[in-house]
Amino acid sequence: MKKFLALLLSLTMALSLAACGSGETTAEGDPAGEEASGGAPADVKIGLICIHDQNSGYDVAHIDGLTAACEALGIDASDPEQVVFKYNIAENQSCYDAAVDLAEQGCDIIFSDSYGHQTYMLQAAREYSDITFVACTGDQAGVSGLDNFKNMFPHTYESRYVSGVVAGMKLKELMDAGTVTDPKVGYVGAYPYAEVVCGYTAFLLGIQSIVPEAYMEVQYTNSWYDPAAEGEAANILMADGCVIIGQHADSTGAPSAVQEAVDRGAVAYSVGYNIDMLSVAPTAALTSAQNNWAALYQATLEKFIAGEDIPADYSIGHADDAVMISALGESCAEGTQEAVDAAWASIDDGSLQVFDTSKFTVGGETVESYDVDFSIIDFATGDVVFEGPTENVIADGAFQESVYRSAPYFDLRIDGITELNNN
């Protein structure tokens, strides 16, 4: 999912998934369908539709991820007869046109990297039943009824939490030194959708594992990629007293703004997303939450090439090398690497649940149960587009994220977080 751009569809869909021991999310009884290739890597032609281009950290992560996966499989990503990239494809009819063009060029499997592409990928999948379409960050594959339409998304909340541990270590250092007395942190978010809410909640919970009294303000940009708006959002948060600025937006705008503030003498630090931000914020950047899309692309392509079933939804985390954080910046607090290593180890062995319900409240109350309707609703008409079950997603004392589908569905507004401009 990347992108929960509210075109026509609401936040949730349905599928019956089981969480495998490795942390992988797969659909129970998902038929192999017609997507199986069963050929050799050299015989497979791949397409990737990107919402932006190499200037967007998010798209770079996908481009590099697919390229690395192809290299591991002996596929030449630089050969247009094997891999075709489509850049700057908007979340509108142009995505359908791009998908059709890739199909007509002979692509056997076509990926798209943004949530708003999904509707048009699904349309193309209906018309080209012999081609597999994979909408990264989508949420409709499990209920679409199509064997050749798939979704995949990593456990981004894990890297968000661990990047929060990094931020928490710095915040504690500043408070112990008396430099900071108000443990308020900020977050630049693109949209108030579950993907973003899930991420910033995990980030704060990571911070609170070090500084329990920490709290957060969120400033939305209403765009996935807008360097100026992201920089301005960071400035608003810093002006309001936030000393650490996280982000779920796709440019270097926020880290650059934080570095500029630091250069003017401010006490402020940045935690980025998608790419290492040290090049634009050498003393302000602490780390970035990152996705290793290569792990998901490679696993999906391996299944496709082998003629094996591709799950309707595919979701893996740090235990399967799908998420990580970037190198720690020079401004990180002493002991940060040890804290990071301990957090990863606990996530990997399951002893740390990111959304442990004993660690947060909603309206002052512990969340004992929470029903999520996994149907897809047309906002314009209110009609159900795809029927899905309603599931209680609280189990074993934790919110079970990315278990019932790959795309995030955590949309609880926990205490301690204020959305400044969620209109």
Protein backbone atom coordinates (compact mmCIF):
# COMPACT_ATOMS: atom_id res chain seq x y z
CA MET A 1 0.00 0.00 0.00
CA LYS A 2 2.02 2.44 -0.43
CA LYS A 3 -0.35 4.82 -0.93
CA PHE A 4 -3.64 5.27 0.62
CA LEU A 5 -4.75 7.93 -1.81
CA ALA A 6 -8.50 8.02 -1.27
CA LEU A 7 -9.70 7.77 -4.79
CA LEU A 8 -12.87 5.75 -4.61
CA LEU A 9 -11.95 3.15 -2.11
CA SER A 10 -11.84 3.08 1.62
CA LEU A 11 -9.23 1.69 3.80
CA THR A 12 -10.03 -1.97 4.07
CA MET A 13 -10.70 -5.19 2.24
CA ALA A 14 -10.85 -8.79 3.08
CA LEU A 15 -8.99 -11.99 2.96
CA SER A 16 -8.46 -14.95 5.17
CA LEU A 17 -4.77 -15.03 5.85
CA ALA A 18 -2.59 -16.96 8.22
CA ALA A 19 0.63 -15.63 9.67
CA CYS A 20 3.39 -18.11 8.88
CA GLY A 21 6.14 -18.77 11.38
CA SER A 22 8.57 -16.63 9.37
CA GLY A 23 6.31 -13.58 9.70
CA GLU A 24 5.08 -13.99 6.11
CA THR A 25 1.45 -13.21 5.38
CA THR A 26 -0.20 -15.52 2.85
CA ALA A 27 -3.77 -16.28 1.82
CA GLU A 28 -5.20 -19.58 2.96
CA GLY A 29 -6.22 -21.73 0.06
CA ASP A 30 -5.22 -19.12 -2.50
CA PRO A 31 -5.38 -20.86 -5.88
CA ALA A 32 -2.35 -20.92 -8.10
CA GLY A 33 -4.42 -19.54 -10.94
CA GLU A 34 -2.98 -18.79 -14.34
CA GLU A 35 -0.13 -16.59 -13.17
CA ALA A 36 2.43 -19.36 -12.91
CA SER A 37 5.32 -19.07 -15.33
CA GLY A 38 7.37 -22.20 -14.81
CA GLY A 39 10.03 -20.87 -17.18
CA ALA A 40 13.61 -19.70 -16.87
CA PRO A 41 14.64 -16.20 -15.68
CA ALA A 42 15.82 -15.30 -19.18
CA ASP A 43 12.32 -16.03 -20.52
CA VAL A 44 10.52 -13.68 -18.10
CA LYS A 45 9.70 -10.08 -18.96
CA ILE A 46 8.90 -7.73 -16.07
CA GLY A 47 7.26 -4.31 -15.88
CA LEU A 48 7.32 -1.76 -13.04
CA ILE A 49 5.02 1.27 -12.88
CA CYS A 50 6.34 4.06 -10.62
CA ILE A 51 4.35 7.02 -9.35
CA HIS A 52 7.45 9.23 -9.51
CA ASP A 53 11.03 8.72 -10.67
CA GLN A 54 14.58 8.57 -9.31
CA ASN A 55 14.07 11.90 -7.52
CA SER A 56 11.66 10.26 -5.07
CA GLY A 57 13.18 8.18 -2.29
CA TYR A 58 10.16 5.89 -2.26
CA ASP A 59 10.41 5.14 -5.96
CA VAL A 60 14.18 4.70 -5.74
CA ALA A 61 13.58 2.03 -3.10
CA HIS A 62 11.34 0.18 -5.55
CA ILE A 63 13.60 0.69 -8.55
CA ASP A 64 16.66 -0.47 -6.61
CA GLY A 65 14.68 -3.30 -5.03
CA LEU A 66 13.51 -4.75 -8.32
CA THR A 67 16.96 -4.26 -9.85
CA ALA A 68 18.64 -6.10 -6.96
CA ALA A 69 16.09 -8.91 -7.11
CA CYS A 70 16.66 -9.31 -10.84
CA GLU A 71 20.43 -9.37 -10.35
CA ALA A 72 20.08 -12.13 -7.76
CA LEU A 73 17.96 -14.14 -10.18
CA GLY A 74 20.18 -13.63 -13.22
CA ILE A 75 17.84 -11.17 -14.93
CA ASP A 76 19.34 -8.13 -16.65
CA ALA A 77 17.31 -5.17 -15.37
CA SER A 78 19.09 -2.86 -17.81
CA ASP A 79 17.79 -4.83 -20.78
CA PRO A 80 14.39 -3.46 -21.91
CA GLU A 81 13.65 -6.86 -23.35
CA GLN A 82 13.65 -8.19 -19.80
CA VAL A 83 12.62 -5.28 -17.55
CA VAL A 84 10.62 -2.17 -18.49
CA PHE A 85 10.30 0.79 -16.10
CA LYS A 86 7.47 3.31 -16.39
CA TYR A 87 8.14 6.57 -14.50
CA ASN A 88 5.89 9.40 -13.30
CA ILE A 89 2.68 7.46 -13.80
CA ALA A 90 -0.16 9.19 -11.95
CA GLU A 91 -2.86 7.44 -9.98
CA ASN A 92 -5.41 7.80 -12.75
CA GLN A 93 -6.25 6.39 -16.18
CA SER A 94 -2.63 6.80 -17.22
CA CYS A 95 -1.78 3.88 -14.94
CA TYR A 96 -4.21 1.64 -16.83
CA ASP A 97 -2.68 2.84 -20.10
CA ALA A 98 0.82 2.07 -18.79
CA ALA A 99 -0.25 -1.40 -17.62
CA VAL A 100 -1.83 -2.16 -20.99
CA ASP A 101 1.27 -0.93 -22.80
CA LEU A 102 3.46 -3.21 -20.67
CA ALA A 103 1.13 -6.12 -21.36
CA GLU A 104 1.25 -5.44 -25.09
CA GLN A 105 5.06 -5.25 -24.90
CA GLY A 106 5.02 -8.84 -23.69
CA CYS A 107 5.53 -8.44 -19.93
CA ASP A 108 4.61 -11.60 -18.05
CA ILE A 109 4.37 -9.96 -14.62
CA ILE A 110 3.69 -6.26 -13.94
CA PHE A 111 4.23 -4.41 -10.65
CA SER A 112 3.02 -0.98 -9.56
CA ASP A 113 4.38 0.88 -6.54
CA SER A 114 1.57 3.16 -5.33
CA TYR A 115 -1.77 2.49 -3.68
CA GLY A 116 -3.73 4.68 -6.07
CA HIS A 117 -2.49 2.59 -9.01
CA GLN A 118 -4.43 -0.40 -7.73
CA THR A 119 -7.81 0.33 -9.32
CA TYR A 120 -6.25 0.57 -12.76
CA MET A 121 -4.01 -2.46 -12.26
CA LEU A 122 -7.12 -4.43 -11.33
CA GLN A 123 -8.87 -3.24 -14.49
CA ALA A 124 -5.94 -4.39 -16.62
CA ALA A 125 -5.75 -7.71 -14.75
CA ARG A 126 -9.35 -8.46 -15.69
CA GLU A 127 -8.52 -7.95 -19.36
CA TYR A 128 -5.19 -9.82 -19.42
CA SER A 129 -5.85 -12.98 -17.45
CA ASP A 130 -2.63 -14.62 -18.61
CA ILE A 131 -0.48 -11.87 -17.04
CA THR A 132 0.16 -11.45 -13.30
CA PHE A 133 -0.37 -7.97 -11.84
CA VAL A 134 1.07 -7.08 -8.43
CA ALA A 135 -0.05 -3.84 -6.76
CA CYS A 136 2.46 -3.00 -4.06
CA THR A 137 0.62 -1.50 -1.07
CA GLY A 138 -2.77 -2.55 -2.39
CA ASP A 139 -5.60 -4.11 -0.42
CA GLN A 140 -7.99 -5.73 -2.91
CA ALA A 141 -6.25 -8.90 -4.09
CA GLY A 142 -7.75 -11.13 -1.42
CA VAL A 143 -11.33 -10.23 -2.34
CA SER A 144 -11.06 -9.40 -6.04
CA GLY A 145 -11.70 -12.96 -7.15
CA LEU A 146 -8.85 -12.77 -9.65
CA ASP A 147 -6.08 -15.37 -9.56
CA ASN A 148 -3.72 -13.07 -11.47
CA PHE A 149 -3.98 -10.04 -9.15
CA LYS A 150 -1.73 -9.79 -6.07
CA ASN A 151 -0.70 -7.37 -3.30
CA MET A 152 2.53 -7.10 -1.28
CA PHE A 153 3.83 -4.84 1.47
CA PRO A 154 6.56 -5.09 4.13
CA HIS A 155 6.20 -4.73 7.91
CA THR A 156 7.03 -1.03 7.88
CA TYR A 157 5.86 -0.63 11.46
CA GLU A 158 8.88 -2.63 12.64
CA SER A 159 11.43 -0.22 11.17
CA ARG A 160 9.34 2.72 12.35
CA TYR A 161 9.48 1.38 15.91
CA VAL A 162 13.24 0.83 15.81
CA SER A 163 13.86 4.28 14.30
CA GLY A 164 11.79 5.52 17.24
CA VAL A 165 14.21 3.78 19.60
CA VAL A 166 17.02 5.77 17.94
CA ALA A 167 15.04 8.99 18.41
CA GLY A 168 14.21 8.05 22.01
CA MET A 169 17.86 7.54 22.86
CA LYS A 170 18.66 11.03 21.56
CA LEU A 171 15.70 12.57 23.35
CA LYS A 172 16.77 10.97 26.62
CA GLU A 173 20.31 12.26 26.16
CA LEU A 174 19.00 15.79 25.61
CA MET A 175 16.72 15.59 28.64
CA ASP A 176 19.41 14.11 30.89
CA ALA A 177 21.67 17.02 29.92
CA GLY A 178 18.92 19.54 30.66
CA THR A 179 19.00 20.77 27.06
CA VAL A 180 15.37 19.74 26.55
CA THR A 181 12.66 19.73 29.20
CA ASP A 182 9.57 19.13 27.04
CA PRO A 183 9.69 15.67 25.38
CA LYS A 184 7.56 16.70 22.40
CA VAL A 185 8.40 15.22 19.02
CA GLY A 186 6.96 15.97 15.59
CA TYR A 187 6.01 13.96 12.54
CA VAL A 188 5.51 15.05 8.94
CA GLY A 189 2.81 12.81 7.47
CA ALA A 190 1.49 12.66 3.94
CA TYR A 191 -2.16 11.74 4.56
CA PRO A 192 -4.21 10.65 7.59
CA TYR A 193 -4.52 7.08 6.28
CA ALA A 194 -3.85 3.81 8.06
CA GLU A 195 -0.43 3.37 6.46
CA VAL A 196 0.73 6.69 7.91
CA VAL A 197 -1.11 6.30 11.23
CA CYS A 198 0.39 2.84 11.70
CA GLY A 199 3.87 4.22 11.05
CA TYR A 200 3.79 7.28 13.27
CA THR A 201 2.20 5.29 16.10
CA ALA A 202 4.96 2.71 15.95
CA PHE A 203 7.53 5.54 15.86
CA LEU A 204 6.14 7.10 19.04
CA LEU A 205 5.93 3.72 20.78
CA GLY A 206 9.61 3.18 19.98
CA ILE A 207 10.44 6.58 21.47
CA GLN A 208 8.31 5.87 24.53
CA SER A 209 10.20 2.62 25.14
CA ILE A 210 13.09 4.94 26.08
CA VAL A 211 11.24 8.11 27.18
CA PRO A 212 7.78 7.03 28.43
CA GLU A 213 6.51 10.60 28.80
CA ALA A 214 7.20 11.52 25.16
CA TYR A 215 4.29 12.75 23.05
CA MET A 216 3.83 13.73 19.42
CA GLU A 217 2.31 16.25 17.04
CA VAL A 218 1.58 15.32 13.42
CA GLN A 219 1.48 17.80 10.55
CA TYR A 220 0.04 16.56 7.25
CA THR A 221 1.14 17.73 3.80
CA ASN A 222 -1.68 16.08 1.79
CA SER A 223 0.88 14.91 -0.74
CA TRP A 224 3.25 11.97 -0.94
CA TYR A 225 5.98 14.03 -2.56
CA ASP A 226 6.21 17.77 -2.01
CA PRO A 227 9.63 18.97 -0.80
CA ALA A 228 8.43 22.51 -0.06
CA ALA A 229 5.36 21.37 1.89
CA GLU A 230 7.37 18.79 3.82
CA GLY A 231 9.97 21.40 4.73
CA GLU A 232 7.27 23.83 5.83
CA ALA A 233 5.58 21.13 7.93
CA ALA A 234 8.89 20.44 9.68
CA ASN A 235 9.34 24.16 10.35
CA ILE A 236 5.84 24.40 11.84
CA LEU A 237 6.57 21.50 14.17
CA MET A 238 9.95 22.88 15.25
CA ALA A 239 8.39 26.29 15.87
CA ASP A 240 5.91 24.52 18.14
CA GLY A 241 8.74 23.07 20.22
CA CYS A 242 9.28 19.66 18.64
CA VAL A 243 12.94 18.66 18.90
CA ILE A 244 12.86 15.50 16.78
CA ILE A 245 11.03 15.36 13.45
CA GLY A 246 10.04 12.02 11.93
CA GLN A 247 8.42 11.65 8.53
CA HIS A 248 6.22 9.58 6.29
CA ALA A 249 6.64 11.53 3.07
CA ASP A 250 8.87 10.83 0.12
CA SER A 251 11.28 13.72 -0.29
CA THR A 252 14.25 15.18 1.57
CA GLY A 253 12.24 18.30 2.40
CA ALA A 254 11.81 17.68 6.13
CA PRO A 255 15.41 16.58 6.90
CA SER A 256 16.75 19.51 4.86
CA ALA A 257 14.61 21.94 6.86
CA VAL A 258 15.80 20.43 10.13
CA GLN A 259 19.44 20.73 9.03
CA GLU A 260 18.89 24.37 8.11
CA ALA A 261 17.47 24.97 11.59
CA VAL A 262 20.46 23.23 13.18
CA ASP A 263 22.81 25.38 11.13
CA ARG A 264 21.07 28.44 12.59
CA GLY A 265 21.71 27.15 16.10
CA ALA A 266 18.50 25.25 16.86
CA VAL A 267 18.39 21.98 18.80
CA ALA A 268 16.60 19.65 16.40
CA TYR A 269 17.10 16.24 14.83
CA SER A 270 15.55 14.30 11.98
CA VAL A 271 14.47 10.72 11.40
CA GLY A 272 13.84 10.11 7.71
CA TYR A 273 12.14 7.56 5.49
CA ASN A 274 13.09 5.47 2.44
CA ILE A 275 16.67 6.65 2.00
CA ASP A 276 19.68 7.61 4.12
CA MET A 277 19.30 11.35 4.76
CA LEU A 278 22.87 12.05 5.89
CA SER A 279 23.72 13.61 2.52
CA VAL A 280 21.19 16.41 3.10
CA ALA A 281 21.24 16.50 6.91
CA PRO A 282 24.75 15.42 7.97
CA THR A 283 24.45 16.54 11.60
CA ALA A 284 20.66 16.57 11.97
CA ALA A 285 19.82 13.10 10.63
CA LEU A 286 19.80 10.28 13.17
CA THR A 287 18.63 7.47 10.87
CA SER A 288 15.86 6.59 8.40
CA ALA A 289 13.25 3.83 8.45
CA GLN A 290 13.72 1.82 5.27
CA ASN A 291 12.07 -0.93 3.27
CA ASN A 292 14.11 -3.57 1.47
CA TRP A 293 11.74 -4.11 -1.43
CA ALA A 294 14.27 -6.47 -3.00
CA ALA A 295 13.24 -9.16 -0.49
CA LEU A 296 9.60 -8.99 -1.61
CA TYR A 297 10.35 -8.67 -5.33
CA GLN A 298 12.79 -11.56 -5.26
CA ALA A 299 10.49 -13.91 -3.34
CA THR A 300 7.58 -13.08 -5.66
CA LEU A 301 9.64 -13.50 -8.83
CA GLU A 302 11.13 -16.76 -7.59
CA LYS A 303 7.64 -18.19 -7.14
CA PHE A 304 6.53 -16.85 -10.50
CA ILE A 305 9.51 -18.27 -12.38
CA ALA A 306 9.17 -21.63 -10.64
CA GLY A 307 5.48 -21.81 -11.53
CA GLU A 308 4.50 -21.78 -7.85
CA ASP A 309 1.51 -20.09 -6.26
CA ILE A 310 1.98 -16.40 -5.44
CA PRO A 311 -0.02 -15.47 -2.31
CA ALA A 312 -2.84 -13.00 -2.80
CA ASP A 313 -1.16 -10.95 -0.08
CA TYR A 314 2.52 -11.11 0.78
CA SER A 315 3.96 -9.41 3.84
CA ILE A 316 7.29 -9.97 5.60
CA GLY A 317 9.42 -8.04 8.06
CA HIS A 318 12.87 -7.69 9.55
CA ALA A 319 13.25 -11.41 10.23
CA ASP A 320 13.11 -11.87 6.45
CA ASP A 321 15.29 -8.82 5.66
CA ALA A 322 12.35 -6.79 4.33
CA VAL A 323 12.78 -3.75 6.60
CA MET A 324 15.74 -2.00 8.20
CA ILE A 325 17.06 1.37 9.31
CA SER A 326 19.87 3.32 7.67
CA ALA A 327 23.32 3.94 9.16
CA LEU A 328 23.28 5.85 12.43
CA GLY A 329 24.29 9.49 12.14
CA GLU A 330 27.10 11.09 14.07
CA SER A 331 24.64 12.87 16.35
CA CYS A 332 23.13 9.69 17.74
CA ALA A 333 23.35 9.18 21.49
CA GLU A 334 25.91 6.86 23.03
CA GLY A 335 24.54 3.34 23.33
CA THR A 336 22.10 3.71 20.43
CA GLN A 337 23.51 0.80 18.41
CA GLU A 338 23.13 -1.54 21.38
CA ALA A 339 19.53 -0.40 21.89
CA VAL A 340 18.81 -0.93 18.19
CA ASP A 341 20.31 -4.42 18.21
CA ALA A 342 18.26 -5.38 21.26
CA ALA A 343 15.04 -4.07 19.68
CA TRP A 344 15.61 -5.97 16.44
CA ALA A 345 16.40 -9.18 18.32
CA SER A 346 13.19 -8.89 20.34
CA ILE A 347 11.09 -8.18 17.25
CA ASP A 348 12.65 -11.09 15.38
CA ASP A 349 12.04 -13.62 18.16
CA GLY A 350 8.52 -12.35 18.82
CA SER A 351 9.12 -11.26 22.41
CA LEU A 352 8.45 -7.63 21.43
CA GLN A 353 5.09 -6.88 19.85
CA VAL A 354 5.17 -3.37 18.37
CA PHE A 355 1.48 -2.76 19.08
CA ASP A 356 1.39 -4.34 22.53
CA THR A 357 -1.91 -3.06 23.91
CA SER A 358 -0.44 -2.69 27.39
CA LYS A 359 1.82 0.06 26.02
CA PHE A 360 -0.87 2.48 24.83
CA THR A 361 -4.41 3.64 25.50
CA VAL A 362 -7.21 5.14 23.44
CA GLY A 363 -9.39 7.63 25.29
CA GLY A 364 -7.69 6.59 28.50
CA GLU A 365 -8.69 2.95 28.08
CA THR A 366 -6.76 -0.17 27.14
CA VAL A 367 -7.97 -1.57 23.82
CA GLU A 368 -9.37 -5.03 24.54
CA SER A 369 -10.88 -5.62 21.10
CA TYR A 370 -11.09 -3.78 17.79
CA ASP A 371 -13.16 -4.87 14.82
CA VAL A 372 -11.91 -4.04 11.34
CA ASP A 373 -14.27 -4.36 8.39
CA PHE A 374 -12.14 -5.65 5.51
CA SER A 375 -14.68 -4.71 2.86
CA ILE A 376 -13.90 -2.16 0.16
CA ILE A 377 -16.35 0.73 0.05
CA ASP A 378 -16.94 3.21 -2.77
CA PHE A 379 -16.75 6.59 -1.02
CA ALA A 380 -18.87 8.28 -3.70
CA THR A 381 -21.85 5.94 -3.40
CA GLY A 382 -21.34 4.11 -0.12
CA ASP A 383 -21.69 0.82 -1.98
CA VAL A 384 -19.61 -2.22 -1.10
CA VAL A 385 -17.21 -2.86 -3.98
CA PHE A 386 -15.77 -6.05 -2.50
CA GLU A 387 -17.35 -7.90 0.40
CA GLY A 388 -15.02 -8.79 3.25
CA PRO A 389 -15.28 -10.16 6.78
CA THR A 390 -15.08 -8.15 9.96
CA GLU A 391 -12.27 -9.35 12.21
CA ASN A 392 -11.30 -8.60 15.79
CA VAL A 393 -7.64 -7.73 15.25
CA ILE A 394 -6.64 -7.75 18.92
CA ALA A 395 -5.15 -11.08 19.98
CA ASP A 396 -2.54 -12.22 22.48
CA GLY A 397 -2.38 -8.73 23.95
CA ALA A 398 -1.45 -6.95 20.72
CA PHE A 399 -2.95 -5.37 17.62
CA GLN A 400 -2.28 -7.92 14.87
CA GLU A 401 -0.99 -5.72 12.06
CA SER A 402 -0.33 -7.18 8.58
CA VAL A 403 -1.85 -10.53 9.53
CA TYR A 404 -5.28 -10.30 7.89
CA ARG A 405 -3.85 -8.53 4.85
CA SER A 406 -0.46 -7.18 3.85
CA ALA A 407 -1.48 -3.50 3.70
CA PRO A 408 -1.55 -1.70 7.07
CA TYR A 409 -4.93 -1.32 8.74
CA PHE A 410 -3.88 0.09 12.11
CA ASP A 411 -5.90 3.30 12.33
CA LEU A 412 -6.34 3.72 16.08
CA ARG A 413 -5.61 7.23 17.37
CA ILE A 414 -3.76 6.49 20.57
CA ASP A 415 -3.38 8.91 23.47
CA GLY A 416 -0.34 11.15 23.27
CA ILE A 417 -0.63 11.98 19.57
CA THR A 418 -2.25 15.13 18.21
CA GLU A 419 -3.02 15.59 14.51
CA LEU A 420 -2.66 19.33 13.97
CA ASN A 421 -4.39 19.61 10.59
CA ASN A 422 -6.46 16.47 10.02
CA ASN A 423 -9.41 18.15 8.33
